[in-house]
Amino acid sequence: MKLPPPEVLKREKELIGKFPNTYTYTKNLAEKSLYKNRGDLPVVLFRPSIIASSEKEPFEGWTDSLAAAGGLTLLSSLGLIKFMPSRGYNAIDIIPVDIVSNGILISIAHCG
């Protein structure tokens, strides 16, 4: 079924179903497509949470962007942000980029 863009916008909630937003919906479509079309090729899906600056590699605090978590971790490490107001218990799900890249390499090696 092909819908014109205005119709897609109007029916977005109906089209994405149980997914909270179009990002998670299209990510799910891509993953299903990978599995469906992979043949005998092994596939690894590696889903890190919010990726922040490095812990150690290539050096402590390295980042390629000051957007989102990169800016937050930079400002925190410089002491410019001393607290983040919240209500009750709030966990922040951030992982350093070097841990993510090492995890991807380990996952690929294990899968292969």
C-alpha atoms as a PDB file:
ATOM      1  CA  MET A   1       0.000   0.000   0.000  1.00  0.00           C
ATOM      2  CA  LYS A   2       1.422   3.372  -0.983  1.00  0.00           C
ATOM      3  CA  LEU A   3       0.139   6.419   0.888  1.00  0.00           C
ATOM      4  CA  PRO A   4       0.803  10.071   0.118  1.00  0.00           C
ATOM      5  CA  PRO A   5       2.910  11.801   2.835  1.00  0.00           C
ATOM      6  CA  PRO A   6      -0.027  13.780   4.332  1.00  0.00           C
ATOM      7  CA  GLU A   7      -1.958  10.530   4.788  1.00  0.00           C
ATOM      8  CA  VAL A   8       1.036   8.844   6.421  1.00  0.00           C
ATOM      9  CA  LEU A   9       1.305  11.704   8.913  1.00  0.00           C
ATOM     10  CA  LYS A  10      -2.401  11.527   9.635  1.00  0.00           C
ATOM     11  CA  ARG A  11      -2.302   7.743  10.230  1.00  0.00           C
ATOM     12  CA  GLU A  12       1.112   7.552  11.934  1.00  0.00           C
ATOM     13  CA  LYS A  13      -0.101   6.071  15.243  1.00  0.00           C
ATOM     14  CA  GLU A  14      -2.147   3.448  13.415  1.00  0.00           C
ATOM     15  CA  LEU A  15       0.769   2.541  11.116  1.00  0.00           C
ATOM     16  CA  ILE A  16       3.471   2.186  13.787  1.00  0.00           C
ATOM     17  CA  GLY A  17       1.231   0.180  16.123  1.00  0.00           C
ATOM     18  CA  LYS A  18       2.860  -0.763  19.439  1.00  0.00           C
ATOM     19  CA  PHE A  19       6.031   1.237  18.798  1.00  0.00           C
ATOM     20  CA  PRO A  20       6.453   4.531  20.685  1.00  0.00           C
ATOM     21  CA  ASN A  21       7.824   6.434  17.676  1.00  0.00           C
ATOM     22  CA  THR A  22       8.849   6.106  14.035  1.00  0.00           C
ATOM     23  CA  TYR A  23      12.528   5.651  14.986  1.00  0.00           C
ATOM     24  CA  THR A  24      11.891   2.426  16.904  1.00  0.00           C
ATOM     25  CA  TYR A  25       9.410   1.263  14.264  1.00  0.00           C
ATOM     26  CA  THR A  26      11.825   1.699  11.349  1.00  0.00           C
ATOM     27  CA  LYS A  27      14.681   0.193  13.386  1.00  0.00           C
ATOM     28  CA  ASN A  28      12.506  -2.882  13.902  1.00  0.00           C
ATOM     29  CA  LEU A  29      11.709  -3.043  10.167  1.00  0.00           C
ATOM     30  CA  ALA A  30      15.415  -2.891   9.317  1.00  0.00           C
ATOM     31  CA  GLU A  31      16.268  -5.663  11.794  1.00  0.00           C
ATOM     32  CA  LYS A  32      13.499  -7.909  10.469  1.00  0.00           C
ATOM     33  CA  SER A  33      14.689  -7.264   6.914  1.00  0.00           C
ATOM     34  CA  LEU A  34      18.260  -8.222   7.878  1.00  0.00           C
ATOM     35  CA  TYR A  35      17.135 -11.501   9.378  1.00  0.00           C
ATOM     36  CA  LYS A  36      14.799 -12.283   6.504  1.00  0.00           C
ATOM     37  CA  ASN A  37      17.363 -11.611   3.770  1.00  0.00           C
ATOM     38  CA  ARG A  38      20.601 -12.744   5.426  1.00  0.00           C
ATOM     39  CA  GLY A  39      20.666 -16.237   3.948  1.00  0.00           C
ATOM     40  CA  ASP A  40      23.509 -18.146   5.621  1.00  0.00           C
ATOM     41  CA  LEU A  41      25.306 -14.978   6.661  1.00  0.00           C
ATOM     42  CA  PRO A  42      25.535 -14.593  10.450  1.00  0.00           C
ATOM     43  CA  VAL A  43      24.103 -11.311  11.733  1.00  0.00           C
ATOM     44  CA  VAL A  44      24.891  -9.508  14.985  1.00  0.00           C
ATOM     45  CA  LEU A  45      22.584  -6.799  16.274  1.00  0.00           C
ATOM     46  CA  PHE A  46      24.413  -4.642  18.779  1.00  0.00           C
ATOM     47  CA  ARG A  47      22.172  -2.126  20.526  1.00  0.00           C
ATOM     48  CA  PRO A  48      24.031   0.175  22.889  1.00  0.00           C
ATOM     49  CA  SER A  49      22.198   2.759  24.919  1.00  0.00           C
ATOM     50  CA  ILE A  50      23.196   6.420  24.682  1.00  0.00           C
ATOM     51  CA  ILE A  51      26.828   6.594  23.570  1.00  0.00           C
ATOM     52  CA  ALA A  52      29.041   9.116  25.335  1.00  0.00           C
ATOM     53  CA  SER A  53      32.700  10.137  25.273  1.00  0.00           C
ATOM     54  CA  SER A  54      35.412   7.536  25.809  1.00  0.00           C
ATOM     55  CA  GLU A  55      36.529   6.127  29.119  1.00  0.00           C
ATOM     56  CA  LYS A  56      40.119   5.319  28.047  1.00  0.00           C
ATOM     57  CA  GLU A  57      40.568   4.876  24.266  1.00  0.00           C
ATOM     58  CA  PRO A  58      41.805   6.612  22.178  1.00  0.00           C
ATOM     59  CA  PHE A  59      42.182   8.849  25.239  1.00  0.00           C
ATOM     60  CA  GLU A  60      40.059   9.712  28.252  1.00  0.00           C
ATOM     61  CA  GLY A  61      37.116  11.955  27.372  1.00  0.00           C
ATOM     62  CA  TRP A  62      37.464  11.718  23.581  1.00  0.00           C
ATOM     63  CA  THR A  63      34.304  12.547  21.651  1.00  0.00           C
ATOM     64  CA  ASP A  64      33.536  13.453  18.067  1.00  0.00           C
ATOM     65  CA  SER A  65      30.425  15.462  18.894  1.00  0.00           C
ATOM     66  CA  LEU A  66      29.189  17.844  21.524  1.00  0.00           C
ATOM     67  CA  ALA A  67      25.585  16.973  20.747  1.00  0.00           C
ATOM     68  CA  ALA A  68      23.501  15.014  23.260  1.00  0.00           C
ATOM     69  CA  ALA A  69      25.607  12.844  25.592  1.00  0.00           C
ATOM     70  CA  GLY A  70      28.910  14.178  24.232  1.00  0.00           C
ATOM     71  CA  GLY A  71      28.112  17.683  25.433  1.00  0.00           C
ATOM     72  CA  LEU A  72      26.673  16.444  28.704  1.00  0.00           C
ATOM     73  CA  THR A  73      29.735  14.389  29.583  1.00  0.00           C
ATOM     74  CA  LEU A  74      32.133  17.146  28.524  1.00  0.00           C
ATOM     75  CA  LEU A  75      30.382  19.789  30.622  1.00  0.00           C
ATOM     76  CA  SER A  76      30.158  17.393  33.575  1.00  0.00           C
ATOM     77  CA  SER A  77      33.825  16.418  33.366  1.00  0.00           C
ATOM     78  CA  LEU A  78      34.849  20.074  33.231  1.00  0.00           C
ATOM     79  CA  GLY A  79      32.827  20.682  36.390  1.00  0.00           C
ATOM     80  CA  LEU A  80      30.429  23.056  34.639  1.00  0.00           C
ATOM     81  CA  ILE A  81      27.470  20.810  35.416  1.00  0.00           C
ATOM     82  CA  LYS A  82      27.495  19.767  39.048  1.00  0.00           C
ATOM     83  CA  PHE A  83      24.026  18.248  39.267  1.00  0.00           C
ATOM     84  CA  MET A  84      21.011  17.405  37.158  1.00  0.00           C
ATOM     85  CA  PRO A  85      17.667  18.119  38.788  1.00  0.00           C
ATOM     86  CA  SER A  86      15.336  15.133  38.897  1.00  0.00           C
ATOM     87  CA  ARG A  87      12.502  13.606  40.866  1.00  0.00           C
ATOM     88  CA  GLY A  88      13.156  10.460  42.823  1.00  0.00           C
ATOM     89  CA  TYR A  89      15.340   7.768  41.338  1.00  0.00           C
ATOM     90  CA  ASN A  90      16.462   8.390  37.773  1.00  0.00           C
ATOM     91  CA  ALA A  91      19.037   6.182  36.117  1.00  0.00           C
ATOM     92  CA  ILE A  92      20.882   7.606  33.155  1.00  0.00           C
ATOM     93  CA  ASP A  93      21.727   4.937  30.619  1.00  0.00           C
ATOM     94  CA  ILE A  94      24.982   6.129  29.044  1.00  0.00           C
ATOM     95  CA  ILE A  95      27.917   3.993  27.869  1.00  0.00           C
ATOM     96  CA  PRO A  96      31.388   5.166  26.790  1.00  0.00           C
ATOM     97  CA  VAL A  97      32.178   4.900  23.067  1.00  0.00           C
ATOM     98  CA  ASP A  98      35.309   2.792  23.582  1.00  0.00           C
ATOM     99  CA  ILE A  99      33.325   0.161  25.465  1.00  0.00           C
ATOM    100  CA  VAL A 100      30.770   0.112  22.630  1.00  0.00           C
ATOM    101  CA  SER A 101      33.399  -0.239  19.889  1.00  0.00           C
ATOM    102  CA  ASN A 102      35.208  -2.999  21.797  1.00  0.00           C
ATOM    103  CA  GLY A 103      31.879  -4.761  22.391  1.00  0.00           C
ATOM    104  CA  ILE A 104      31.075  -4.650  18.668  1.00  0.00           C
ATOM    105  CA  LEU A 105      34.447  -6.180  17.809  1.00  0.00           C
ATOM    106  CA  ILE A 106      34.008  -8.940  20.413  1.00  0.00           C
ATOM    107  CA  SER A 107      30.469  -9.659  19.183  1.00  0.00           C
ATOM    108  CA  ILE A 108      31.607  -9.950  15.585  1.00  0.00           C
ATOM    109  CA  ALA A 109      34.508 -12.215  16.519  1.00  0.00           C
ATOM    110  CA  HIS A 110      32.227 -14.434  18.601  1.00  0.00           C
ATOM    111  CA  CYS A 111      29.624 -14.639  15.826  1.00  0.00           C
ATOM    112  CA  GLY A 112      32.196 -15.408  13.117  1.00  0.00           C
END
